[in-house]
Amino acid sequence: MKRYDRTNVKHLTLCACTLLASFFFLIACSNTLSYLQINCQPLKKVSQCIEYDFDTHKNLVLDSIQYRDYLLSYSDTSNKAIEGLALLEKCYKFDYGLVMIVVIDSAQYEVISIVDPDSVQATNLVPRKKYQMKIKPYFCQVPNHFASEFQRPIYLDHYVVYPPYLLRWEEKICTANIKDILY
């Protein structure tokens, strides 16, 4: 009878260890998503858009060109760029490009790039490696402006992209040309 109990305990222990290992494996896989569902559409598909103007407290009805100009009014028009050796923490694909979480000089940024996600340049990017990057902040940083708390889309290379806001801060949204990422 004792032999049966020992065998039963061994099987239960083995099952528990297997379940625990499977659980940790699923957690690890969930943190390394390679694809994000992001609302991104070509500007030419935007025929009409309604936006709320916080200054006049009225709705604005905009066609595609007006909508592009409206989005660009929130863009950082300065020529400042953040350059340096960047650690690519995570890289996600979406239908029209990449979203990368990078660290440059101990600061974390969410970088959006329009590129074919299956291109050679995109597939050569490997998380946890360092790359020489040149990224550009997108949103104007307007301190104490209540409208900056709302998540806005960006206009990038003829596309309207709703960033995933993985870092939760609007001022951390940057853009990059895939050609400005050197291996």
Protein backbone atom coordinates (compact mmCIF):
# COMPACT_ATOMS: atom_id res chain seq x y z
CA MET A 1 0.00 0.00 0.00
CA LYS A 2 2.87 2.40 0.75
CA ARG A 3 4.35 1.86 -2.70
CA TYR A 4 1.05 2.89 -4.28
CA ASP A 5 0.95 6.07 -2.21
CA ARG A 6 4.52 7.02 -3.17
CA THR A 7 3.78 6.51 -6.86
CA ASN A 8 0.58 8.51 -6.56
CA VAL A 9 2.43 11.36 -4.82
CA LYS A 10 5.13 11.33 -7.52
CA HIS A 11 2.51 11.59 -10.27
CA LEU A 12 0.69 14.40 -8.48
CA THR A 13 3.96 16.27 -7.98
CA LEU A 14 4.90 15.78 -11.63
CA CYS A 15 1.46 17.04 -12.76
CA ALA A 16 1.70 20.08 -10.48
CA CYS A 17 5.19 20.92 -11.78
CA THR A 18 4.01 20.54 -15.39
CA LEU A 19 1.02 22.82 -14.79
CA LEU A 20 3.21 25.38 -13.05
CA ALA A 21 5.76 25.34 -15.89
CA SER A 22 2.95 25.70 -18.45
CA PHE A 23 1.54 28.63 -16.49
CA PHE A 24 4.89 30.45 -16.45
CA PHE A 25 5.39 29.69 -20.16
CA LEU A 26 1.99 31.24 -21.00
CA ILE A 27 2.82 34.34 -18.95
CA ALA A 28 6.16 34.70 -20.76
CA CYS A 29 4.48 34.31 -24.15
CA SER A 30 1.81 36.87 -23.35
CA ASN A 31 4.50 39.49 -22.67
CA THR A 32 6.20 38.98 -26.03
CA LEU A 33 3.37 39.75 -28.45
CA SER A 34 4.60 40.28 -31.95
CA TYR A 35 1.41 41.81 -33.37
CA LEU A 36 -0.83 44.65 -32.19
CA GLN A 37 -4.23 45.56 -33.55
CA ILE A 38 -3.85 49.29 -34.18
CA ASN A 39 -6.32 51.56 -35.91
CA CYS A 40 -4.29 52.85 -38.83
CA GLN A 41 -5.70 53.97 -42.16
CA PRO A 42 -4.47 55.85 -45.20
CA LEU A 43 -5.39 59.53 -45.14
CA LYS A 44 -7.20 59.22 -48.48
CA LYS A 45 -9.74 56.91 -46.80
CA VAL A 46 -10.69 59.65 -44.31
CA SER A 47 -13.43 61.51 -46.15
CA GLN A 48 -14.93 63.30 -43.16
CA CYS A 49 -14.02 63.49 -39.51
CA ILE A 50 -15.65 65.23 -36.55
CA GLU A 51 -13.34 66.57 -33.86
CA TYR A 52 -14.17 68.56 -30.76
CA ASP A 53 -12.44 71.93 -30.48
CA PHE A 54 -11.71 72.65 -26.83
CA ASP A 55 -11.03 76.34 -27.50
CA THR A 56 -14.42 77.12 -29.08
CA HIS A 57 -16.33 74.20 -27.47
CA LYS A 58 -17.78 73.20 -30.82
CA ASN A 59 -17.49 70.22 -33.12
CA LEU A 60 -15.31 70.64 -36.20
CA VAL A 61 -16.28 68.82 -39.39
CA LEU A 62 -13.07 68.25 -41.34
CA ASP A 63 -12.30 66.70 -44.71
CA SER A 64 -9.15 64.59 -45.11
CA ILE A 65 -6.79 67.51 -45.86
CA GLN A 66 -8.19 69.60 -43.00
CA TYR A 67 -7.94 66.58 -40.71
CA ARG A 68 -4.28 66.09 -41.67
CA ASP A 69 -3.59 69.75 -40.90
CA TYR A 70 -5.47 69.44 -37.62
CA LEU A 71 -3.34 66.44 -36.59
CA LEU A 72 -0.16 68.21 -37.69
CA SER A 73 -1.08 71.14 -35.47
CA TYR A 74 -0.29 68.84 -32.53
CA SER A 75 2.98 67.67 -34.04
CA ASP A 76 6.33 68.89 -32.87
CA THR A 77 7.50 71.01 -35.79
CA SER A 78 10.94 71.68 -34.38
CA ASN A 79 13.85 69.91 -35.97
CA LYS A 80 14.93 68.39 -32.68
CA ALA A 81 15.63 64.71 -32.80
CA ILE A 82 16.69 62.26 -30.14
CA GLU A 83 19.76 60.39 -31.32
CA GLY A 84 21.92 57.79 -29.73
CA LEU A 85 22.48 54.17 -28.97
CA ALA A 86 19.05 52.74 -28.22
CA LEU A 87 18.11 49.52 -26.50
CA LEU A 88 15.15 47.99 -28.32
CA GLU A 89 13.08 46.60 -25.45
CA LYS A 90 10.06 45.41 -27.43
CA CYS A 91 8.96 45.49 -31.04
CA TYR A 92 5.40 44.97 -32.26
CA LYS A 93 4.09 44.73 -35.80
CA PHE A 94 0.84 46.20 -37.07
CA ASP A 95 -0.71 46.24 -40.54
CA TYR A 96 1.27 49.23 -41.80
CA GLY A 97 4.37 49.33 -39.63
CA LEU A 98 6.10 48.85 -36.30
CA VAL A 99 5.70 50.06 -32.74
CA MET A 100 8.94 49.91 -30.78
CA ILE A 101 9.68 50.54 -27.13
CA VAL A 102 13.22 51.91 -26.96
CA VAL A 103 15.45 53.28 -24.21
CA ILE A 104 17.86 56.11 -25.04
CA ASP A 105 19.88 57.69 -22.23
CA SER A 106 17.71 56.03 -19.56
CA ALA A 107 14.49 57.47 -21.04
CA GLN A 108 11.84 55.22 -22.53
CA TYR A 109 10.02 56.10 -25.78
CA GLU A 110 7.24 54.59 -27.85
CA VAL A 111 8.38 54.84 -31.47
CA ILE A 112 6.08 54.38 -34.45
CA SER A 113 7.42 53.71 -37.93
CA ILE A 114 5.50 53.18 -41.16
CA VAL A 115 7.13 50.29 -43.00
CA ASP A 116 6.12 46.93 -44.41
CA PRO A 117 6.20 44.80 -41.23
CA ASP A 118 7.49 41.81 -43.22
CA SER A 119 10.32 43.74 -44.89
CA VAL A 120 13.96 42.83 -44.37
CA GLN A 121 14.60 45.94 -42.24
CA ALA A 122 11.66 45.16 -39.95
CA THR A 123 12.40 41.47 -39.54
CA ASN A 124 16.06 42.17 -38.71
CA LEU A 125 15.10 44.14 -35.59
CA VAL A 126 15.63 41.97 -32.53
CA PRO A 127 14.41 42.92 -29.04
CA ARG A 128 17.03 43.35 -26.29
CA LYS A 129 19.66 44.49 -28.82
CA LYS A 130 21.13 47.96 -29.24
CA TYR A 131 20.78 50.04 -32.39
CA GLN A 132 21.89 53.50 -33.39
CA MET A 133 18.60 55.42 -33.75
CA LYS A 134 17.33 58.83 -34.65
CA ILE A 135 13.77 59.40 -33.43
CA LYS A 136 11.60 62.50 -33.45
CA PRO A 137 9.07 63.45 -30.76
CA TYR A 138 5.62 63.85 -32.26
CA PHE A 139 3.35 65.75 -29.86
CA CYS A 140 3.94 69.32 -28.83
CA GLN A 141 4.50 69.39 -25.12
CA VAL A 142 2.06 71.97 -23.83
CA PRO A 143 2.40 72.06 -20.04
CA ASN A 144 -0.83 72.20 -18.00
CA HIS A 145 -3.07 72.05 -21.05
CA PHE A 146 -6.08 69.90 -20.22
CA ALA A 147 -6.62 68.81 -23.82
CA SER A 148 -3.25 67.07 -23.80
CA GLU A 149 -4.75 64.42 -21.53
CA PHE A 150 -6.75 62.99 -24.43
CA GLN A 151 -5.22 60.36 -26.64
CA ARG A 152 -4.94 61.69 -30.16
CA PRO A 153 -4.04 60.04 -33.44
CA ILE A 154 -0.93 61.09 -35.34
CA TYR A 155 -0.34 61.80 -39.02
CA LEU A 156 2.67 59.93 -40.37
CA ASP A 157 3.69 59.26 -43.98
CA HIS A 158 0.14 59.67 -45.40
CA TYR A 159 -1.40 57.51 -42.66
CA VAL A 160 -3.56 58.34 -39.65
CA VAL A 161 -2.30 56.19 -36.78
CA TYR A 162 -3.90 55.79 -33.37
CA PRO A 163 -0.89 55.01 -31.16
CA PRO A 164 -1.36 52.18 -28.68
CA TYR A 165 -0.01 54.40 -25.84
CA LEU A 166 1.91 51.49 -24.35
CA LEU A 167 3.82 53.88 -22.09
CA ARG A 168 0.63 55.80 -21.17
CA TRP A 169 2.27 59.22 -21.75
CA GLU A 170 1.49 61.22 -24.81
CA GLU A 171 4.79 63.10 -24.70
CA LYS A 172 6.68 59.82 -25.13
CA ILE A 173 5.21 59.18 -28.62
CA CYS A 174 7.95 59.47 -31.23
CA THR A 175 8.28 58.60 -34.90
CA ALA A 176 11.17 57.13 -36.85
CA ASN A 177 12.11 56.46 -40.39
CA ILE A 178 13.22 52.85 -40.70
CA LYS A 179 16.31 54.11 -42.59
CA ASP A 180 17.39 55.99 -39.45
CA ILE A 181 17.81 52.74 -37.51
CA LEU A 182 21.34 51.45 -38.01
CA TYR A 183 22.46 47.95 -37.10
